[in-house]
Amino acid sequence: MTTPNHIDTYTLQSLLKSTPTWLIKLKTAYSQPTRYYHTLTHINDLLQLLSEHRDELDNPRCVELAILFHDIVYDPTTTEVGSNERKSNDVFLEDAFDPTVSEALRLDEREISRVSSMILATIHHQPISSLVHDTGALDDLKFFLDIDTSILAAEETKYDAYAAAIRNEYAHYPESAYCSGRRKVLNDFLQRERIYFSNAFKGSGMEERARSNICREIGRLQASEGSS
């Protein structure tokens, strides 16, 4: 079991000091046997990207907490849109308003709201300005959403491993139903004017790579759906 190793020292020490079982809860949640992509590896990947761009953010600690909590509840069998994200947000709010934890983290209400907004924004992966209070918060939200979907722009081998992991998480669906549902999700990204929103990745080629990967996967899904 991998321990997240890019967590900000202050944040991690504060959480462990206030609630020694917190890391166990985190590791248990992200190590559930039904998870193949939404695991601690995913969290580590996002924390690594955060560490590379930390100085560019308005409030990196809020982004860090959003990373840690945004997939803490992940049930691929649910059919209710946004259910996992709202439940993940509930877990964050429960911890954030726990007197011991809140005293250790020293989050004010605006910061709690900011983290909550980032978690809830992953329902549709759109930087909705009404969810945040100011430009700095909106820029951080865009960055958070971009790193969460950065896997879409990975090199082909890594992307294909990601696509296979997602299929494993939805193994309870028959092939035709999975292919149809997955294509709808991917087509939603293709139809957007932009997949990535933050300045951090402008000119990086991520937009083009993501669209290429998505088109490749859609092609495979169509072929599989037709033969099933």
C-alpha atoms as a PDB file:
ATOM      1  CA  MET A   1       0.000   0.000   0.000  1.00  0.00           C
ATOM      2  CA  THR A   2       1.547   3.264  -1.134  1.00  0.00           C
ATOM      3  CA  THR A   3       1.570   6.249   1.194  1.00  0.00           C
ATOM      4  CA  PRO A   4       1.028   9.638  -0.449  1.00  0.00           C
ATOM      5  CA  ASN A   5       4.529  11.090  -0.459  1.00  0.00           C
ATOM      6  CA  HIS A   6       3.995  14.568  -1.859  1.00  0.00           C
ATOM      7  CA  ILE A   7       1.635  15.844   0.832  1.00  0.00           C
ATOM      8  CA  ASP A   8       2.724  19.186   2.230  1.00  0.00           C
ATOM      9  CA  THR A   9       4.573  18.537   5.487  1.00  0.00           C
ATOM     10  CA  TYR A  10       2.563  21.059   7.487  1.00  0.00           C
ATOM     11  CA  THR A  11      -0.770  19.739   6.273  1.00  0.00           C
ATOM     12  CA  LEU A  12       0.112  16.096   6.856  1.00  0.00           C
ATOM     13  CA  GLN A  13       1.655  16.680  10.278  1.00  0.00           C
ATOM     14  CA  SER A  14      -1.322  18.783  11.330  1.00  0.00           C
ATOM     15  CA  LEU A  15      -3.776  16.093  10.281  1.00  0.00           C
ATOM     16  CA  LEU A  16      -1.826  13.296  11.934  1.00  0.00           C
ATOM     17  CA  LYS A  17      -1.352  15.284  15.121  1.00  0.00           C
ATOM     18  CA  SER A  18      -5.054  16.079  15.395  1.00  0.00           C
ATOM     19  CA  THR A  19      -6.368  12.700  14.262  1.00  0.00           C
ATOM     20  CA  PRO A  20      -3.733   9.935  14.162  1.00  0.00           C
ATOM     21  CA  THR A  21      -6.167   7.648  12.338  1.00  0.00           C
ATOM     22  CA  TRP A  22      -6.665  10.129   9.501  1.00  0.00           C
ATOM     23  CA  LEU A  23      -3.987   8.672   7.234  1.00  0.00           C
ATOM     24  CA  ILE A  24      -5.379   5.184   7.822  1.00  0.00           C
ATOM     25  CA  LYS A  25      -8.799   6.446   6.738  1.00  0.00           C
ATOM     26  CA  LEU A  26      -7.306   7.986   3.615  1.00  0.00           C
ATOM     27  CA  LYS A  27      -5.319   4.888   2.701  1.00  0.00           C
ATOM     28  CA  THR A  28      -8.267   2.592   3.388  1.00  0.00           C
ATOM     29  CA  ALA A  29     -10.595   4.621   1.181  1.00  0.00           C
ATOM     30  CA  TYR A  30      -8.205   4.817  -1.762  1.00  0.00           C
ATOM     31  CA  SER A  31      -7.155   1.161  -1.477  1.00  0.00           C
ATOM     32  CA  GLN A  32     -10.589  -0.408  -1.842  1.00  0.00           C
ATOM     33  CA  PRO A  33     -10.466  -3.501  -4.080  1.00  0.00           C
ATOM     34  CA  THR A  34     -12.952  -1.982  -6.547  1.00  0.00           C
ATOM     35  CA  ARG A  35     -10.499   0.806  -7.371  1.00  0.00           C
ATOM     36  CA  TYR A  36      -8.063   0.436 -10.237  1.00  0.00           C
ATOM     37  CA  TYR A  37      -7.473   4.049 -11.296  1.00  0.00           C
ATOM     38  CA  HIS A  38      -8.910   6.151  -8.447  1.00  0.00           C
ATOM     39  CA  THR A  39      -6.219   4.962  -6.053  1.00  0.00           C
ATOM     40  CA  LEU A  40      -3.377   6.423  -4.024  1.00  0.00           C
ATOM     41  CA  THR A  41      -1.317   6.427  -7.214  1.00  0.00           C
ATOM     42  CA  HIS A  42      -3.790   8.906  -8.712  1.00  0.00           C
ATOM     43  CA  ILE A  43      -3.539  11.049  -5.582  1.00  0.00           C
ATOM     44  CA  ASN A  44       0.256  10.940  -5.702  1.00  0.00           C
ATOM     45  CA  ASP A  45       0.256  11.951  -9.368  1.00  0.00           C
ATOM     46  CA  LEU A  46      -1.873  15.009  -8.593  1.00  0.00           C
ATOM     47  CA  LEU A  47       0.235  15.930  -5.575  1.00  0.00           C
ATOM     48  CA  GLN A  48       3.342  15.749  -7.751  1.00  0.00           C
ATOM     49  CA  LEU A  49       1.793  18.166 -10.256  1.00  0.00           C
ATOM     50  CA  LEU A  50       0.798  20.421  -7.372  1.00  0.00           C
ATOM     51  CA  SER A  51       4.366  20.445  -6.066  1.00  0.00           C
ATOM     52  CA  GLU A  52       5.629  21.500  -9.509  1.00  0.00           C
ATOM     53  CA  HIS A  53       3.254  24.477  -9.702  1.00  0.00           C
ATOM     54  CA  ARG A  54       2.796  25.329  -6.035  1.00  0.00           C
ATOM     55  CA  ASP A  55       4.304  28.816  -6.283  1.00  0.00           C
ATOM     56  CA  GLU A  56       1.861  29.750  -9.060  1.00  0.00           C
ATOM     57  CA  LEU A  57      -1.244  29.144  -6.934  1.00  0.00           C
ATOM     58  CA  ASP A  58      -3.211  31.504  -4.743  1.00  0.00           C
ATOM     59  CA  ASN A  59      -3.855  28.956  -1.981  1.00  0.00           C
ATOM     60  CA  PRO A  60      -2.014  25.683  -2.652  1.00  0.00           C
ATOM     61  CA  ARG A  61      -3.077  24.178   0.671  1.00  0.00           C
ATOM     62  CA  CYS A  62      -6.724  24.320  -0.392  1.00  0.00           C
ATOM     63  CA  VAL A  63      -5.833  22.639  -3.682  1.00  0.00           C
ATOM     64  CA  GLU A  64      -3.959  19.993  -1.724  1.00  0.00           C
ATOM     65  CA  LEU A  65      -6.952  19.244   0.471  1.00  0.00           C
ATOM     66  CA  ALA A  66      -9.212  19.072  -2.582  1.00  0.00           C
ATOM     67  CA  ILE A  67      -6.837  16.507  -4.076  1.00  0.00           C
ATOM     68  CA  LEU A  68      -6.892  14.384  -0.930  1.00  0.00           C
ATOM     69  CA  PHE A  69     -10.669  14.404  -0.525  1.00  0.00           C
ATOM     70  CA  HIS A  70     -12.135  14.654  -4.036  1.00  0.00           C
ATOM     71  CA  ASP A  71     -12.329  10.888  -4.643  1.00  0.00           C
ATOM     72  CA  ILE A  72     -12.387   9.657  -1.061  1.00  0.00           C
ATOM     73  CA  VAL A  73     -15.842   8.215  -1.807  1.00  0.00           C
ATOM     74  CA  TYR A  74     -15.897   6.361  -5.110  1.00  0.00           C
ATOM     75  CA  ASP A  75     -18.631   3.843  -5.823  1.00  0.00           C
ATOM     76  CA  PRO A  76     -18.678   2.928  -9.530  1.00  0.00           C
ATOM     77  CA  THR A  77     -21.995   1.112  -9.115  1.00  0.00           C
ATOM     78  CA  THR A  78     -23.941   4.284  -8.360  1.00  0.00           C
ATOM     79  CA  THR A  79     -26.119   5.634 -11.162  1.00  0.00           C
ATOM     80  CA  GLU A  80     -26.800   9.007  -9.541  1.00  0.00           C
ATOM     81  CA  VAL A  81     -24.791  11.771 -11.205  1.00  0.00           C
ATOM     82  CA  GLY A  82     -22.646  13.583  -8.653  1.00  0.00           C
ATOM     83  CA  SER A  83     -23.316  11.123  -5.842  1.00  0.00           C
ATOM     84  CA  ASN A  84     -19.663  10.236  -5.260  1.00  0.00           C
ATOM     85  CA  GLU A  85     -18.530  13.843  -5.419  1.00  0.00           C
ATOM     86  CA  ARG A  86     -21.186  15.054  -2.994  1.00  0.00           C
ATOM     87  CA  LYS A  87     -20.420  12.242  -0.570  1.00  0.00           C
ATOM     88  CA  SER A  88     -16.692  13.004  -0.835  1.00  0.00           C
ATOM     89  CA  ASN A  89     -17.492  16.620  -0.059  1.00  0.00           C
ATOM     90  CA  ASP A  90     -19.539  15.501   2.943  1.00  0.00           C
ATOM     91  CA  VAL A  91     -16.511  13.608   4.270  1.00  0.00           C
ATOM     92  CA  PHE A  92     -14.351  16.708   3.831  1.00  0.00           C
ATOM     93  CA  LEU A  93     -16.877  18.962   5.581  1.00  0.00           C
ATOM     94  CA  GLU A  94     -17.237  16.494   8.428  1.00  0.00           C
ATOM     95  CA  ASP A  95     -13.477  16.599   8.977  1.00  0.00           C
ATOM     96  CA  ALA A  96     -13.177  20.334   8.350  1.00  0.00           C
ATOM     97  CA  PHE A  97     -15.769  21.163  10.993  1.00  0.00           C
ATOM     98  CA  ASP A  98     -14.446  18.637  13.473  1.00  0.00           C
ATOM     99  CA  PRO A  99     -13.090  20.922  16.240  1.00  0.00           C
ATOM    100  CA  THR A 100      -9.811  19.045  16.588  1.00  0.00           C
ATOM    101  CA  VAL A 101      -9.082  18.880  12.874  1.00  0.00           C
ATOM    102  CA  SER A 102     -10.163  22.443  12.129  1.00  0.00           C
ATOM    103  CA  GLU A 103      -7.975  23.764  14.941  1.00  0.00           C
ATOM    104  CA  ALA A 104      -4.980  21.885  13.571  1.00  0.00           C
ATOM    105  CA  LEU A 105      -5.492  22.955   9.956  1.00  0.00           C
ATOM    106  CA  ARG A 106      -6.620  26.485  10.819  1.00  0.00           C
ATOM    107  CA  LEU A 107      -8.986  26.682   7.878  1.00  0.00           C
ATOM    108  CA  ASP A 108     -11.336  29.625   7.887  1.00  0.00           C
ATOM    109  CA  GLU A 109     -14.846  29.421   6.450  1.00  0.00           C
ATOM    110  CA  ARG A 110     -13.760  30.891   3.125  1.00  0.00           C
ATOM    111  CA  GLU A 111     -11.048  28.249   2.732  1.00  0.00           C
ATOM    112  CA  ILE A 112     -13.462  25.469   3.645  1.00  0.00           C
ATOM    113  CA  SER A 113     -15.861  26.813   1.034  1.00  0.00           C
ATOM    114  CA  ARG A 114     -13.042  26.945  -1.515  1.00  0.00           C
ATOM    115  CA  VAL A 115     -12.071  23.300  -0.999  1.00  0.00           C
ATOM    116  CA  SER A 116     -15.714  22.256  -1.069  1.00  0.00           C
ATOM    117  CA  SER A 117     -16.237  24.110  -4.353  1.00  0.00           C
ATOM    118  CA  MET A 118     -13.293  22.333  -5.949  1.00  0.00           C
ATOM    119  CA  ILE A 119     -14.567  18.916  -4.900  1.00  0.00           C
ATOM    120  CA  LEU A 120     -18.082  19.620  -6.187  1.00  0.00           C
ATOM    121  CA  ALA A 121     -16.736  21.038  -9.463  1.00  0.00           C
ATOM    122  CA  THR A 122     -15.471  17.558 -10.354  1.00  0.00           C
ATOM    123  CA  ILE A 123     -19.089  16.495 -10.945  1.00  0.00           C
ATOM    124  CA  HIS A 124     -18.979  18.079 -14.411  1.00  0.00           C
ATOM    125  CA  HIS A 125     -15.313  19.153 -14.531  1.00  0.00           C
ATOM    126  CA  GLN A 126     -16.201  22.709 -15.425  1.00  0.00           C
ATOM    127  CA  PRO A 127     -14.757  25.821 -13.695  1.00  0.00           C
ATOM    128  CA  ILE A 128     -18.052  27.434 -12.722  1.00  0.00           C
ATOM    129  CA  SER A 129     -17.259  30.942 -11.483  1.00  0.00           C
ATOM    130  CA  SER A 130     -20.346  31.054  -9.263  1.00  0.00           C
ATOM    131  CA  LEU A 131     -18.774  28.362  -7.075  1.00  0.00           C
ATOM    132  CA  VAL A 132     -15.896  30.598  -5.968  1.00  0.00           C
ATOM    133  CA  HIS A 133     -15.439  34.013  -4.369  1.00  0.00           C
ATOM    134  CA  ASP A 134     -12.617  35.680  -6.294  1.00  0.00           C
ATOM    135  CA  THR A 135     -10.170  35.461  -9.195  1.00  0.00           C
ATOM    136  CA  GLY A 136      -7.512  33.662  -7.162  1.00  0.00           C
ATOM    137  CA  ALA A 137      -9.969  30.973  -6.140  1.00  0.00           C
ATOM    138  CA  LEU A 138     -11.174  30.583  -9.735  1.00  0.00           C
ATOM    139  CA  ASP A 139      -7.612  30.220 -11.020  1.00  0.00           C
ATOM    140  CA  ASP A 140      -6.899  27.565  -8.387  1.00  0.00           C
ATOM    141  CA  LEU A 141     -10.111  25.767  -9.336  1.00  0.00           C
ATOM    142  CA  LYS A 142      -9.069  25.712 -13.001  1.00  0.00           C
ATOM    143  CA  PHE A 143      -5.668  24.313 -12.056  1.00  0.00           C
ATOM    144  CA  PHE A 144      -7.206  21.620  -9.859  1.00  0.00           C
ATOM    145  CA  LEU A 145      -9.605  20.496 -12.595  1.00  0.00           C
ATOM    146  CA  ASP A 146      -6.774  20.461 -15.129  1.00  0.00           C
ATOM    147  CA  ILE A 147      -4.519  18.222 -13.083  1.00  0.00           C
ATOM    148  CA  ASP A 148      -7.429  15.906 -12.291  1.00  0.00           C
ATOM    149  CA  THR A 149      -7.967  15.349 -16.032  1.00  0.00           C
ATOM    150  CA  SER A 150      -4.276  15.527 -16.975  1.00  0.00           C
ATOM    151  CA  ILE A 151      -4.307  11.759 -17.545  1.00  0.00           C
ATOM    152  CA  LEU A 152      -6.290  12.417 -20.725  1.00  0.00           C
ATOM    153  CA  ALA A 153      -3.172  14.055 -22.166  1.00  0.00           C
ATOM    154  CA  ALA A 154      -0.761  11.314 -21.105  1.00  0.00           C
ATOM    155  CA  GLU A 155       1.443   9.489 -23.578  1.00  0.00           C
ATOM    156  CA  GLU A 156      -0.420   6.694 -25.332  1.00  0.00           C
ATOM    157  CA  THR A 157       0.786   3.747 -23.238  1.00  0.00           C
ATOM    158  CA  LYS A 158      -0.102   5.474 -19.974  1.00  0.00           C
ATOM    159  CA  TYR A 159      -3.456   6.613 -21.329  1.00  0.00           C
ATOM    160  CA  ASP A 160      -4.303   3.105 -22.492  1.00  0.00           C
ATOM    161  CA  ALA A 161      -3.469   1.742 -19.028  1.00  0.00           C
ATOM    162  CA  TYR A 162      -5.780   4.392 -17.549  1.00  0.00           C
ATOM    163  CA  ALA A 163      -8.590   3.433 -19.940  1.00  0.00           C
ATOM    164  CA  ALA A 164      -8.168  -0.235 -18.999  1.00  0.00           C
ATOM    165  CA  ALA A 165      -8.244   0.654 -15.295  1.00  0.00           C
ATOM    166  CA  ILE A 166     -11.499   2.567 -15.734  1.00  0.00           C
ATOM    167  CA  ARG A 167     -12.986  -0.451 -17.523  1.00  0.00           C
ATOM    168  CA  ASN A 168     -11.983  -2.620 -14.554  1.00  0.00           C
ATOM    169  CA  GLU A 169     -13.741  -0.238 -12.176  1.00  0.00           C
ATOM    170  CA  TYR A 170     -16.902  -0.682 -14.224  1.00  0.00           C
ATOM    171  CA  ALA A 171     -16.526  -4.424 -14.730  1.00  0.00           C
ATOM    172  CA  HIS A 172     -20.079  -4.936 -13.472  1.00  0.00           C
ATOM    173  CA  TYR A 173     -21.367  -3.462 -16.760  1.00  0.00           C
ATOM    174  CA  PRO A 174     -21.661  -5.655 -19.861  1.00  0.00           C
ATOM    175  CA  GLU A 175     -19.406  -4.591 -22.727  1.00  0.00           C
ATOM    176  CA  SER A 176     -22.059  -2.924 -24.885  1.00  0.00           C
ATOM    177  CA  ALA A 177     -23.477  -0.877 -22.004  1.00  0.00           C
ATOM    178  CA  TYR A 178     -20.022   0.182 -20.847  1.00  0.00           C
ATOM    179  CA  CYS A 179     -18.897   1.198 -24.327  1.00  0.00           C
ATOM    180  CA  SER A 180     -22.022   3.273 -24.860  1.00  0.00           C
ATOM    181  CA  GLY A 181     -21.745   5.055 -21.512  1.00  0.00           C
ATOM    182  CA  ARG A 182     -18.016   5.630 -21.773  1.00  0.00           C
ATOM    183  CA  ARG A 183     -18.354   7.083 -25.276  1.00  0.00           C
ATOM    184  CA  LYS A 184     -20.874   9.606 -23.976  1.00  0.00           C
ATOM    185  CA  VAL A 185     -18.435  10.741 -21.289  1.00  0.00           C
ATOM    186  CA  LEU A 186     -15.569  11.054 -23.758  1.00  0.00           C
ATOM    187  CA  ASN A 187     -17.671  12.810 -26.387  1.00  0.00           C
ATOM    188  CA  ASP A 188     -18.616  15.392 -23.780  1.00  0.00           C
ATOM    189  CA  PHE A 189     -14.935  16.319 -23.483  1.00  0.00           C
ATOM    190  CA  LEU A 190     -14.471  16.390 -27.258  1.00  0.00           C
ATOM    191  CA  GLN A 191     -17.403  18.748 -27.731  1.00  0.00           C
ATOM    192  CA  ARG A 192     -15.968  21.315 -25.347  1.00  0.00           C
ATOM    193  CA  GLU A 193     -14.207  24.346 -26.709  1.00  0.00           C
ATOM    194  CA  ARG A 194     -11.430  23.671 -24.208  1.00  0.00           C
ATOM    195  CA  ILE A 195     -10.601  20.629 -22.101  1.00  0.00           C
ATOM    196  CA  TYR A 196      -7.987  22.500 -20.053  1.00  0.00           C
ATOM    197  CA  PHE A 197      -8.576  25.904 -18.510  1.00  0.00           C
ATOM    198  CA  SER A 198      -5.579  27.064 -16.468  1.00  0.00           C
ATOM    199  CA  ASN A 199      -2.602  29.141 -17.534  1.00  0.00           C
ATOM    200  CA  ALA A 200      -0.269  26.518 -16.059  1.00  0.00           C
ATOM    201  CA  PHE A 201      -0.624  24.219 -19.065  1.00  0.00           C
ATOM    202  CA  LYS A 202      -1.114  26.690 -21.911  1.00  0.00           C
ATOM    203  CA  GLY A 203       1.099  25.856 -24.866  1.00  0.00           C
ATOM    204  CA  SER A 204       2.002  22.477 -23.373  1.00  0.00           C
ATOM    205  CA  GLY A 205       0.284  20.448 -26.086  1.00  0.00           C
ATOM    206  CA  MET A 206      -2.026  18.835 -23.533  1.00  0.00           C
ATOM    207  CA  GLU A 207      -5.169  19.895 -25.368  1.00  0.00           C
ATOM    208  CA  GLU A 208      -4.053  18.222 -28.595  1.00  0.00           C
ATOM    209  CA  ARG A 209      -2.808  15.046 -26.891  1.00  0.00           C
ATOM    210  CA  ALA A 210      -6.009  14.691 -24.885  1.00  0.00           C
ATOM    211  CA  ARG A 211      -8.198  14.985 -27.963  1.00  0.00           C
ATOM    212  CA  SER A 212      -6.039  12.473 -29.822  1.00  0.00           C
ATOM    213  CA  ASN A 213      -6.213   9.963 -26.960  1.00  0.00           C
ATOM    214  CA  ILE A 214      -9.958  10.396 -26.577  1.00  0.00           C
ATOM    215  CA  CYS A 215     -10.531   9.832 -30.298  1.00  0.00           C
ATOM    216  CA  ARG A 216      -8.421   6.666 -30.185  1.00  0.00           C
ATOM    217  CA  GLU A 217     -10.396   5.304 -27.254  1.00  0.00           C
ATOM    218  CA  ILE A 218     -13.725   6.156 -28.855  1.00  0.00           C
ATOM    219  CA  GLY A 219     -12.613   4.238 -31.936  1.00  0.00           C
ATOM    220  CA  ARG A 220     -11.807   1.180 -29.830  1.00  0.00           C
ATOM    221  CA  LEU A 221     -15.096   1.458 -27.964  1.00  0.00           C
ATOM    222  CA  GLN A 222     -17.074   1.654 -31.198  1.00  0.00           C
ATOM    223  CA  ALA A 223     -15.294  -1.413 -32.556  1.00  0.00           C
ATOM    224  CA  SER A 224     -15.853  -3.351 -29.340  1.00  0.00           C
ATOM    225  CA  GLU A 225     -19.479  -2.282 -29.116  1.00  0.00           C
ATOM    226  CA  GLY A 226     -20.078  -3.381 -32.692  1.00  0.00           C
ATOM    227  CA  SER A 227     -18.606  -6.819 -32.107  1.00  0.00           C
ATOM    228  CA  SER A 228     -20.333  -7.499 -28.782  1.00  0.00           C
END
